[in-house]
PDB file of N, CA and C in Angstrom:
ATOM      1  N   MET A   1      21.505   5.631  63.960  1.00  0.00           N
ATOM      2  CA  MET A   1      20.994   5.471  62.622  1.00  0.00           C
ATOM      3  C   MET A   1      22.110   5.809  61.629  1.00  0.00           C
ATOM      4  N   PHE A   2      22.203   5.013  60.566  1.00  0.00           N
ATOM      5  CA  PHE A   2      23.167   5.234  59.497  1.00  0.00           C
ATOM      6  C   PHE A   2      22.402   5.138  58.178  1.00  0.00           C
ATOM      7  N   LEU A   3      22.560   6.128  57.321  1.00  0.00           N
ATOM      8  CA  LEU A   3      21.833   6.158  56.049  1.00  0.00           C
ATOM      9  C   LEU A   3      22.768   5.945  54.871  1.00  0.00           C
ATOM     10  N   VAL A   4      22.281   5.226  53.882  1.00  0.00           N
ATOM     11  CA  VAL A   4      22.965   5.074  52.600  1.00  0.00           C
ATOM     12  C   VAL A   4      21.985   5.557  51.533  1.00  0.00           C
ATOM     13  N   VAL A   5      22.401   6.564  50.785  1.00  0.00           N
ATOM     14  CA  VAL A   5      21.577   7.119  49.719  1.00  0.00           C
ATOM     15  C   VAL A   5      22.276   6.815  48.397  1.00  0.00           C
ATOM     16  N   PHE A   6      21.565   6.124  47.517  1.00  0.00           N
ATOM     17  CA  PHE A   6      22.122   5.670  46.241  1.00  0.00           C
ATOM     18  C   PHE A   6      21.348   6.347  45.117  1.00  0.00           C
ATOM     19  N   ARG A   7      21.968   7.366  44.498  1.00  0.00           N
ATOM     20  CA  ARG A   7      21.355   8.050  43.358  1.00  0.00           C
ATOM     21  C   ARG A   7      21.902   7.409  42.091  1.00  0.00           C
ATOM     22  N   ASN A   8      21.011   7.077  41.166  1.00  0.00           N
ATOM     23  CA  ASN A   8      21.490   6.404  39.960  1.00  0.00           C
ATOM     24  C   ASN A   8      20.614   6.676  38.756  1.00  0.00           C
ATOM     25  N   ARG A   9      21.223   6.410  37.610  1.00  0.00           N
ATOM     26  CA  ARG A   9      20.514   6.408  36.331  1.00  0.00           C
ATOM     27  C   ARG A   9      20.842   5.092  35.643  1.00  0.00           C
ATOM     28  N   LYS A  10      19.818   4.448  35.139  1.00  0.00           N
ATOM     29  CA  LYS A  10      20.005   3.178  34.447  1.00  0.00           C
ATOM     30  C   LYS A  10      20.456   3.426  33.004  1.00  0.00           C
ATOM     31  N   ARG A  11      21.142   2.453  32.452  1.00  0.00           N
ATOM     32  CA  ARG A  11      21.483   2.482  31.034  1.00  0.00           C
ATOM     33  C   ARG A  11      20.204   2.329  30.221  1.00  0.00           C
ATOM     34  N   ALA A  12      20.175   2.875  29.044  1.00  0.00           N
ATOM     35  CA  ALA A  12      18.994   2.801  28.182  1.00  0.00           C
ATOM     36  C   ALA A  12      18.750   1.381  27.680  1.00  0.00           C
ATOM     37  N   ASP A  13      19.802   0.568  27.615  1.00  0.00           N
ATOM     38  CA  ASP A  13      19.684  -0.757  27.002  1.00  0.00           C
ATOM     39  C   ASP A  13      19.600  -1.909  28.011  1.00  0.00           C
ATOM     40  N   ILE A  14      19.228  -1.635  29.258  1.00  0.00           N
ATOM     41  CA  ILE A  14      19.218  -2.724  30.241  1.00  0.00           C
ATOM     42  C   ILE A  14      18.063  -3.684  29.997  1.00  0.00           C
ATOM     43  N   ASP A  15      18.229  -4.893  30.488  1.00  0.00           N
ATOM     44  CA  ASP A  15      17.161  -5.884  30.518  1.00  0.00           C
ATOM     45  C   ASP A  15      16.339  -5.573  31.768  1.00  0.00           C
ATOM     46  N   ALA A  16      15.206  -4.892  31.576  1.00  0.00           N
ATOM     47  CA  ALA A  16      14.407  -4.410  32.706  1.00  0.00           C
ATOM     48  C   ALA A  16      13.914  -5.546  33.594  1.00  0.00           C
ATOM     49  N   ALA A  17      13.544  -6.674  33.008  1.00  0.00           N
ATOM     50  CA  ALA A  17      13.060  -7.805  33.804  1.00  0.00           C
ATOM     51  C   ALA A  17      14.180  -8.376  34.668  1.00  0.00           C
ATOM     52  N   ALA A  18      15.371  -8.492  34.093  1.00  0.00           N
ATOM     53  CA  ALA A  18      16.510  -9.003  34.855  1.00  0.00           C
ATOM     54  C   ALA A  18      16.869  -8.039  35.978  1.00  0.00           C
ATOM     55  N   TYR A  19      16.865  -6.737  35.682  1.00  0.00           N
ATOM     56  CA  TYR A  19      17.170  -5.748  36.713  1.00  0.00           C
ATOM     57  C   TYR A  19      16.166  -5.841  37.860  1.00  0.00           C
ATOM     58  N   SER A  20      14.903  -5.912  37.517  1.00  0.00           N
ATOM     59  CA  SER A  20      13.851  -5.985  38.535  1.00  0.00           C
ATOM     60  C   SER A  20      14.016  -7.220  39.419  1.00  0.00           C
ATOM     61  N   ALA A  21      14.310  -8.354  38.809  1.00  0.00           N
ATOM     62  CA  ALA A  21      14.517  -9.591  39.575  1.00  0.00           C
ATOM     63  C   ALA A  21      15.733  -9.468  40.486  1.00  0.00           C
ATOM     64  N   ASP A  22      16.806  -8.897  39.974  1.00  0.00           N
ATOM     65  CA  ASP A  22      18.014  -8.724  40.789  1.00  0.00           C
ATOM     66  C   ASP A  22      17.768  -7.739  41.930  1.00  0.00           C
ATOM     67  N   ALA A  23      17.065  -6.648  41.649  1.00  0.00           N
ATOM     68  CA  ALA A  23      16.768  -5.662  42.687  1.00  0.00           C
ATOM     69  C   ALA A  23      15.897  -6.274  43.783  1.00  0.00           C
ATOM     70  N   ASP A  24      14.893  -7.049  43.384  1.00  0.00           N
ATOM     71  CA  ASP A  24      14.033  -7.712  44.373  1.00  0.00           C
ATOM     72  C   ASP A  24      14.834  -8.677  45.243  1.00  0.00           C
ATOM     73  N   ALA A  25      15.744  -9.429  44.630  1.00  0.00           N
ATOM     74  CA  ALA A  25      16.572 -10.379  45.379  1.00  0.00           C
ATOM     75  C   ALA A  25      17.476  -9.653  46.370  1.00  0.00           C
ATOM     76  N   MET A  26      18.041  -8.517  45.959  1.00  0.00           N
ATOM     77  CA  MET A  26      18.909  -7.752  46.855  1.00  0.00           C
ATOM     78  C   MET A  26      18.116  -7.146  48.007  1.00  0.00           C
ATOM     79  N   GLU A  27      16.885  -6.724  47.738  1.00  0.00           N
ATOM     80  CA  GLU A  27      16.057  -6.161  48.805  1.00  0.00           C
ATOM     81  C   GLU A  27      15.741  -7.223  49.861  1.00  0.00           C
ATOM     82  N   VAL A  28      15.439  -8.425  49.435  1.00  0.00           N
ATOM     83  CA  VAL A  28      15.180  -9.531  50.368  1.00  0.00           C
ATOM     84  C   VAL A  28      16.437  -9.864  51.162  1.00  0.00           C
ATOM     85  N   LEU A  29      17.571  -9.927  50.490  1.00  0.00           N
ATOM     86  CA  LEU A  29      18.834 -10.237  51.151  1.00  0.00           C
ATOM     87  C   LEU A  29      19.210  -9.146  52.161  1.00  0.00           C
ATOM     88  N   ALA A  30      19.050  -7.890  51.771  1.00  0.00           N
ATOM     89  CA  ALA A  30      19.370  -6.784  52.683  1.00  0.00           C
ATOM     90  C   ALA A  30      18.495  -6.833  53.928  1.00  0.00           C
ATOM     91  N   ALA A  31      17.215  -7.086  53.740  1.00  0.00           N
ATOM     92  CA  ALA A  31      16.277  -7.117  54.872  1.00  0.00           C
ATOM     93  C   ALA A  31      16.620  -8.206  55.878  1.00  0.00           C
ATOM     94  N   ALA A  32      17.345  -9.222  55.446  1.00  0.00           N
ATOM     95  CA  ALA A  32      17.738 -10.317  56.342  1.00  0.00           C
ATOM     96  C   ALA A  32      19.038 -10.026  57.093  1.00  0.00           C
ATOM     97  N   GLN A  33      19.700  -8.923  56.745  1.00  0.00           N
ATOM     98  CA  GLN A  33      20.991  -8.600  57.367  1.00  0.00           C
ATOM     99  C   GLN A  33      20.796  -8.020  58.768  1.00  0.00           C
ATOM    100  N   PRO A  34      21.659  -8.388  59.704  1.00  0.00           N
ATOM    101  CA  PRO A  34      21.596  -7.770  61.039  1.00  0.00           C
ATOM    102  C   PRO A  34      21.784  -6.256  60.927  1.00  0.00           C
ATOM    103  N   GLY A  35      20.946  -5.513  61.620  1.00  0.00           N
ATOM    104  CA  GLY A  35      21.055  -4.066  61.623  1.00  0.00           C
ATOM    105  C   GLY A  35      20.260  -3.344  60.548  1.00  0.00           C
ATOM    106  N   TYR A  36      19.612  -4.084  59.662  1.00  0.00           N
ATOM    107  CA  TYR A  36      18.778  -3.478  58.619  1.00  0.00           C
ATOM    108  C   TYR A  36      17.537  -2.860  59.259  1.00  0.00           C
ATOM    109  N   ILE A  37      17.183  -1.655  58.831  1.00  0.00           N
ATOM    110  CA  ILE A  37      15.956  -1.017  59.319  1.00  0.00           C
ATOM    111  C   ILE A  37      14.933  -0.868  58.200  1.00  0.00           C
ATOM    112  N   SER A  38      15.353  -0.264  57.069  1.00  0.00           N
ATOM    113  CA  SER A  38      14.368  -0.037  56.008  1.00  0.00           C
ATOM    114  C   SER A  38      15.047   0.243  54.670  1.00  0.00           C
ATOM    115  N   PHE A  39      14.241   0.162  53.612  1.00  0.00           N
ATOM    116  CA  PHE A  39      14.692   0.495  52.263  1.00  0.00           C
ATOM    117  C   PHE A  39      13.503   1.063  51.499  1.00  0.00           C
ATOM    118  N   LYS A  40      13.743   2.171  50.797  1.00  0.00           N
ATOM    119  CA  LYS A  40      12.736   2.754  49.911  1.00  0.00           C
ATOM    120  C   LYS A  40      13.442   3.304  48.695  1.00  0.00           C
ATOM    121  N   SER A  41      12.732   3.298  47.576  1.00  0.00           N
ATOM    122  CA  SER A  41      13.293   3.773  46.323  1.00  0.00           C
ATOM    123  C   SER A  41      12.272   4.676  45.634  1.00  0.00           C
ATOM    124  N   TYR A  42      12.768   5.772  45.064  1.00  0.00           N
ATOM    125  CA  TYR A  42      11.915   6.749  44.405  1.00  0.00           C
ATOM    126  C   TYR A  42      12.486   7.056  43.032  1.00  0.00           C
ATOM    127  N   THR A  43      11.605   7.145  42.039  1.00  0.00           N
ATOM    128  CA  THR A  43      12.036   7.460  40.683  1.00  0.00           C
ATOM    129  C   THR A  43      11.472   8.817  40.276  1.00  0.00           C
ATOM    130  N   ALA A  44      12.339   9.715  39.854  1.00  0.00           N
ATOM    131  CA  ALA A  44      11.936  11.046  39.405  1.00  0.00           C
ATOM    132  C   ALA A  44      11.416  10.985  37.975  1.00  0.00           C
ATOM    133  N   GLU A  45      10.728  12.039  37.569  1.00  0.00           N
ATOM    134  CA  GLU A  45      10.186  12.104  36.218  1.00  0.00           C
ATOM    135  C   GLU A  45      11.265  11.995  35.147  1.00  0.00           C
ATOM    136  N   ASP A  46      12.486  12.449  35.459  1.00  0.00           N
ATOM    137  CA  ASP A  46      13.572  12.402  34.477  1.00  0.00           C
ATOM    138  C   ASP A  46      14.324  11.074  34.478  1.00  0.00           C
ATOM    139  N   GLY A  47      13.860  10.121  35.278  1.00  0.00           N
ATOM    140  CA  GLY A  47      14.461   8.792  35.293  1.00  0.00           C
ATOM    141  C   GLY A  47      15.483   8.552  36.378  1.00  0.00           C
ATOM    142  N   GLU A  48      15.928   9.609  37.051  1.00  0.00           N
ATOM    143  CA  GLU A  48      16.873   9.402  38.143  1.00  0.00           C
ATOM    144  C   GLU A  48      16.179   8.669  39.284  1.00  0.00           C
ATOM    145  N   VAL A  49      16.907   7.745  39.900  1.00  0.00           N
ATOM    146  CA  VAL A  49      16.390   6.979  41.030  1.00  0.00           C
ATOM    147  C   VAL A  49      17.176   7.347  42.284  1.00  0.00           C
ATOM    148  N   VAL A  50      16.458   7.509  43.383  1.00  0.00           N
ATOM    149  CA  VAL A  50      17.081   7.716  44.680  1.00  0.00           C
ATOM    150  C   VAL A  50      16.599   6.578  45.575  1.00  0.00           C
ATOM    151  N   ALA A  51      17.544   5.773  46.036  1.00  0.00           N
ATOM    152  CA  ALA A  51      17.238   4.652  46.927  1.00  0.00           C
ATOM    153  C   ALA A  51      17.876   4.948  48.282  1.00  0.00           C
ATOM    154  N   ILE A  52      17.101   4.763  49.336  1.00  0.00           N
ATOM    155  CA  ILE A  52      17.570   5.070  50.688  1.00  0.00           C
ATOM    156  C   ILE A  52      17.468   3.812  51.533  1.00  0.00           C
ATOM    157  N   SER A  53      18.606   3.406  52.104  1.00  0.00           N
ATOM    158  CA  SER A  53      18.562   2.311  53.067  1.00  0.00           C
ATOM    159  C   SER A  53      18.992   2.845  54.420  1.00  0.00           C
ATOM    160  N   GLU A  54      18.335   2.346  55.456  1.00  0.00           N
ATOM    161  CA  GLU A  54      18.594   2.791  56.821  1.00  0.00           C
ATOM    162  C   GLU A  54      19.077   1.596  57.634  1.00  0.00           C
ATOM    163  N   TRP A  55      20.144   1.824  58.401  1.00  0.00           N
ATOM    164  CA  TRP A  55      20.796   0.779  59.188  1.00  0.00           C
ATOM    165  C   TRP A  55      20.950   1.262  60.623  1.00  0.00           C
ATOM    166  N   VAL A  56      21.091   0.337  61.556  1.00  0.00           N
ATOM    167  CA  VAL A  56      21.225   0.747  62.956  1.00  0.00           C
ATOM    168  C   VAL A  56      22.528   1.501  63.194  1.00  0.00           C
ATOM    169  N   ASP A  57      23.579   1.152  62.453  1.00  0.00           N
ATOM    170  CA  ASP A  57      24.861   1.829  62.622  1.00  0.00           C
ATOM    171  C   ASP A  57      25.736   1.590  61.397  1.00  0.00           C
ATOM    172  N   GLU A  58      26.878   2.244  61.380  1.00  0.00           N
ATOM    173  CA  GLU A  58      27.790   2.123  60.244  1.00  0.00           C
ATOM    174  C   GLU A  58      28.295   0.694  60.065  1.00  0.00           C
ATOM    175  N   ALA A  59      28.558   0.004  61.161  1.00  0.00           N
ATOM    176  CA  ALA A  59      29.061  -1.377  61.066  1.00  0.00           C
ATOM    177  C   ALA A  59      28.073  -2.269  60.317  1.00  0.00           C
ATOM    178  N   ALA A  60      26.794  -2.090  60.564  1.00  0.00           N
ATOM    179  CA  ALA A  60      25.778  -2.899  59.871  1.00  0.00           C
ATOM    180  C   ALA A  60      25.765  -2.584  58.374  1.00  0.00           C
ATOM    181  N   ALA A  61      25.859  -1.300  58.033  1.00  0.00           N
ATOM    182  CA  ALA A  61      25.874  -0.918  56.614  1.00  0.00           C
ATOM    183  C   ALA A  61      27.127  -1.444  55.919  1.00  0.00           C
ATOM    184  N   LEU A  62      28.267  -1.390  56.601  1.00  0.00           N
ATOM    185  CA  LEU A  62      29.506  -1.913  56.016  1.00  0.00           C
ATOM    186  C   LEU A  62      29.446  -3.429  55.845  1.00  0.00           C
ATOM    187  N   ALA A  63      28.832  -4.110  56.787  1.00  0.00           N
ATOM    188  CA  ALA A  63      28.685  -5.568  56.658  1.00  0.00           C
ATOM    189  C   ALA A  63      27.838  -5.901  55.433  1.00  0.00           C
ATOM    190  N   TRP A  64      26.791  -5.124  55.181  1.00  0.00           N
ATOM    191  CA  TRP A  64      25.960  -5.333  53.998  1.00  0.00           C
ATOM    192  C   TRP A  64      26.786  -5.076  52.734  1.00  0.00           C
ATOM    193  N   ARG A  65      27.582  -4.010  52.743  1.00  0.00           N
ATOM    194  CA  ARG A  65      28.414  -3.704  51.582  1.00  0.00           C
ATOM    195  C   ARG A  65      29.344  -4.868  51.247  1.00  0.00           C
ATOM    196  N   ARG A  66      29.832  -5.541  52.274  1.00  0.00           N
ATOM    197  CA  ARG A  66      30.797  -6.634  52.076  1.00  0.00           C
ATOM    198  C   ARG A  66      30.154  -8.001  51.847  1.00  0.00           C
ATOM    199  N   ALA A  67      28.849  -8.114  51.996  1.00  0.00           N
ATOM    200  CA  ALA A  67      28.179  -9.402  51.782  1.00  0.00           C
ATOM    201  C   ALA A  67      28.483  -9.893  50.362  1.00  0.00           C
ATOM    202  N   ALA A  68      28.898 -11.138  50.238  1.00  0.00           N
ATOM    203  CA  ALA A  68      29.375 -11.672  48.958  1.00  0.00           C
ATOM    204  C   ALA A  68      28.369 -11.493  47.819  1.00  0.00           C
ATOM    205  N   GLU A  69      27.121 -11.860  48.050  1.00  0.00           N
ATOM    206  CA  GLU A  69      26.119 -11.743  46.983  1.00  0.00           C
ATOM    207  C   GLU A  69      25.898 -10.281  46.595  1.00  0.00           C
ATOM    208  N   HIS A  70      25.940  -9.400  47.583  1.00  0.00           N
ATOM    209  CA  HIS A  70      25.766  -7.982  47.299  1.00  0.00           C
ATOM    210  C   HIS A  70      26.954  -7.451  46.499  1.00  0.00           C
ATOM    211  N   ALA A  71      28.157  -7.835  46.870  1.00  0.00           N
ATOM    212  CA  ALA A  71      29.353  -7.405  46.136  1.00  0.00           C
ATOM    213  C   ALA A  71      29.301  -7.874  44.682  1.00  0.00           C
ATOM    214  N   GLU A  72      28.860  -9.102  44.466  1.00  0.00           N
ATOM    215  CA  GLU A  72      28.721  -9.622  43.097  1.00  0.00           C
ATOM    216  C   GLU A  72      27.709  -8.796  42.311  1.00  0.00           C
ATOM    217  N   MET A  73      26.595  -8.444  42.982  1.00  0.00           N
ATOM    218  CA  MET A  73      25.555  -7.669  42.304  1.00  0.00           C
ATOM    219  C   MET A  73      26.022  -6.246  42.020  1.00  0.00           C
ATOM    220  N   GLN A  74      26.858  -5.684  42.888  1.00  0.00           N
ATOM    221  CA  GLN A  74      27.405  -4.355  42.624  1.00  0.00           C
ATOM    222  C   GLN A  74      28.218  -4.373  41.324  1.00  0.00           C
ATOM    223  N   ALA A  75      29.030  -5.395  41.155  1.00  0.00           N
ATOM    224  CA  ALA A  75      29.830  -5.514  39.926  1.00  0.00           C
ATOM    225  C   ALA A  75      28.926  -5.666  38.708  1.00  0.00           C
ATOM    226  N   LYS A  76      27.900  -6.483  38.839  1.00  0.00           N
ATOM    227  CA  LYS A  76      26.959  -6.668  37.733  1.00  0.00           C
ATOM    228  C   LYS A  76      26.253  -5.355  37.408  1.00  0.00           C
ATOM    229  N   GLY A  77      25.906  -4.597  38.438  1.00  0.00           N
ATOM    230  CA  GLY A  77      25.243  -3.315  38.231  1.00  0.00           C
ATOM    231  C   GLY A  77      26.107  -2.351  37.437  1.00  0.00           C
ATOM    232  N   ARG A  78      27.388  -2.283  37.787  1.00  0.00           N
ATOM    233  CA  ARG A  78      28.298  -1.395  37.056  1.00  0.00           C
ATOM    234  C   ARG A  78      28.446  -1.840  35.602  1.00  0.00           C
ATOM    235  N   GLU A  79      28.467  -3.142  35.393  1.00  0.00           N
ATOM    236  CA  GLU A  79      28.669  -3.659  34.038  1.00  0.00           C
ATOM    237  C   GLU A  79      27.406  -3.598  33.183  1.00  0.00           C
ATOM    238  N   ALA A  80      26.254  -3.961  33.750  1.00  0.00           N
ATOM    239  CA  ALA A  80      25.066  -4.181  32.929  1.00  0.00           C
ATOM    240  C   ALA A  80      23.912  -3.202  33.141  1.00  0.00           C
ATOM    241  N   TYR A  81      23.850  -2.525  34.285  1.00  0.00           N
ATOM    242  CA  TYR A  81      22.634  -1.773  34.593  1.00  0.00           C
ATOM    243  C   TYR A  81      22.788  -0.254  34.671  1.00  0.00           C
ATOM    244  N   TYR A  82      23.868   0.241  35.248  1.00  0.00           N
ATOM    245  CA  TYR A  82      23.939   1.666  35.563  1.00  0.00           C
ATOM    246  C   TYR A  82      24.729   2.475  34.549  1.00  0.00           C
ATOM    247  N   GLU A  83      24.157   3.625  34.189  1.00  0.00           N
ATOM    248  CA  GLU A  83      24.873   4.612  33.394  1.00  0.00           C
ATOM    249  C   GLU A  83      25.804   5.389  34.326  1.00  0.00           C
ATOM    250  N   ASP A  84      25.282   5.765  35.472  1.00  0.00           N
ATOM    251  CA  ASP A  84      26.090   6.428  36.490  1.00  0.00           C
ATOM    252  C   ASP A  84      25.380   6.329  37.839  1.00  0.00           C
ATOM    253  N   TYR A  85      26.157   6.517  38.894  1.00  0.00           N
ATOM    254  CA  TYR A  85      25.564   6.567  40.227  1.00  0.00           C
ATOM    255  C   TYR A  85      26.469   7.311  41.185  1.00  0.00           C
ATOM    256  N   THR A  86      25.862   7.770  42.266  1.00  0.00           N
ATOM    257  CA  THR A  86      26.570   8.406  43.365  1.00  0.00           C
ATOM    258  C   THR A  86      26.005   7.807  44.644  1.00  0.00           C
ATOM    259  N   LEU A  87      26.889   7.467  45.560  1.00  0.00           N
ATOM    260  CA  LEU A  87      26.463   6.903  46.830  1.00  0.00           C
ATOM    261  C   LEU A  87      26.901   7.842  47.950  1.00  0.00           C
ATOM    262  N   PHE A  88      25.963   8.163  48.815  1.00  0.00           N
ATOM    263  CA  PHE A  88      26.230   8.989  49.989  1.00  0.00           C
ATOM    264  C   PHE A  88      25.969   8.115  51.204  1.00  0.00           C
ATOM    265  N   ALA A  89      26.856   8.129  52.187  1.00  0.00           N
ATOM    266  CA  ALA A  89      26.658   7.315  53.383  1.00  0.00           C
ATOM    267  C   ALA A  89      27.086   8.107  54.605  1.00  0.00           C
ATOM    268  N   GLY A  90      26.292   8.008  55.653  1.00  0.00           N
ATOM    269  CA  GLY A  90      26.691   8.696  56.868  1.00  0.00           C
ATOM    270  C   GLY A  90      25.598   8.739  57.912  1.00  0.00           C
ATOM    271  N   THR A  91      25.972   9.330  59.015  1.00  0.00           N
ATOM    272  CA  THR A  91      25.048   9.529  60.129  1.00  0.00           C
ATOM    273  C   THR A  91      24.528  10.954  60.042  1.00  0.00           C
ATOM    274  N   PRO A  92      23.232  11.140  60.042  1.00  0.00           N
ATOM    275  CA  PRO A  92      22.693  12.507  59.952  1.00  0.00           C
ATOM    276  C   PRO A  92      23.131  13.358  61.149  1.00  0.00           C
ATOM    277  N   ASN A  93      23.455  14.638  60.895  1.00  0.00           N
ATOM    278  CA  ASN A  93      23.800  15.556  61.981  1.00  0.00           C
ATOM    279  C   ASN A  93      22.566  15.924  62.792  1.00  0.00           C
ATOM    280  N   ARG A  94      21.474  16.078  62.085  1.00  0.00           N
ATOM    281  CA  ARG A  94      20.224  16.455  62.737  1.00  0.00           C
ATOM    282  C   ARG A  94      19.111  15.594  62.190  1.00  0.00           C
ATOM    283  N   VAL A  95      18.181  15.272  63.040  1.00  0.00           N
ATOM    284  CA  VAL A  95      16.979  14.544  62.640  1.00  0.00           C
ATOM    285  C   VAL A  95      15.793  15.295  63.218  1.00  0.00           C
ATOM    286  N   HIS A  96      14.885  15.709  62.360  1.00  0.00           N
ATOM    287  CA  HIS A  96      13.667  16.373  62.811  1.00  0.00           C
ATOM    288  C   HIS A  96      12.499  15.452  62.492  1.00  0.00           C
ATOM    289  N   ARG A  97      11.621  15.291  63.426  1.00  0.00           N
ATOM    290  CA  ARG A  97      10.452  14.422  63.217  1.00  0.00           C
ATOM    291  C   ARG A  97       9.186  15.180  63.545  1.00  0.00           C
ATOM    292  N   PHE A  98       8.144  14.842  62.838  1.00  0.00           N
ATOM    293  CA  PHE A  98       6.813  15.341  63.119  1.00  0.00           C
ATOM    294  C   PHE A  98       5.861  14.182  62.965  1.00  0.00           C
ATOM    295  N   SER A  99       4.926  14.069  63.862  1.00  0.00           N
ATOM    296  CA  SER A  99       3.924  13.016  63.760  1.00  0.00           C
ATOM    297  C   SER A  99       2.610  13.561  64.292  1.00  0.00           C
ATOM    298  N   ARG A 100       1.604  13.545  63.474  1.00  0.00           N
ATOM    299  CA  ARG A 100       0.290  13.983  63.889  1.00  0.00           C
ATOM    300  C   ARG A 100      -0.443  12.784  64.490  1.00  0.00           C
ATOM    301  N   THR A 101      -0.698  12.869  65.760  1.00  0.00           N
ATOM    302  CA  THR A 101      -1.401  11.769  66.429  1.00  0.00           C
ATOM    303  C   THR A 101      -2.888  11.895  66.181  1.00  0.00           C
ATOM    304  N   LYS A 102      -3.520  10.754  65.996  1.00  0.00           N
ATOM    305  CA  LYS A 102      -4.966  10.740  65.774  1.00  0.00           C
ATOM    306  C   LYS A 102      -5.674  10.744  67.121  1.00  0.00           C
ATOM    307  N   ALA A 103      -6.677  11.575  67.216  1.00  0.00           N
ATOM    308  CA  ALA A 103      -7.414  11.681  68.488  1.00  0.00           C
ATOM    309  C   ALA A 103      -8.501  10.634  68.589  1.00  0.00           C
TER     310      ALA A 103
END
């Protein structure tokens, strides 16, 4: 498993409809990539967003990073959408799971 965590804050003046359409398109494109497992995004009360994508391995995540349409959207994001962001990527050292089975 390889995780990419994208913490970001949007600019105050973004075109919200355009951002939403672009984000939806990227989610569809990512889901079609070999090695994609999942994507979820959470927005805090203060507006910060944390998006988590899960990949089978680092090679799959790097291939997604290099996908032409994704690279173009990254540039657009820096120019038009994001005030700031931080990206964390790596393989977790430890994974703890709990699952309550239904009887």
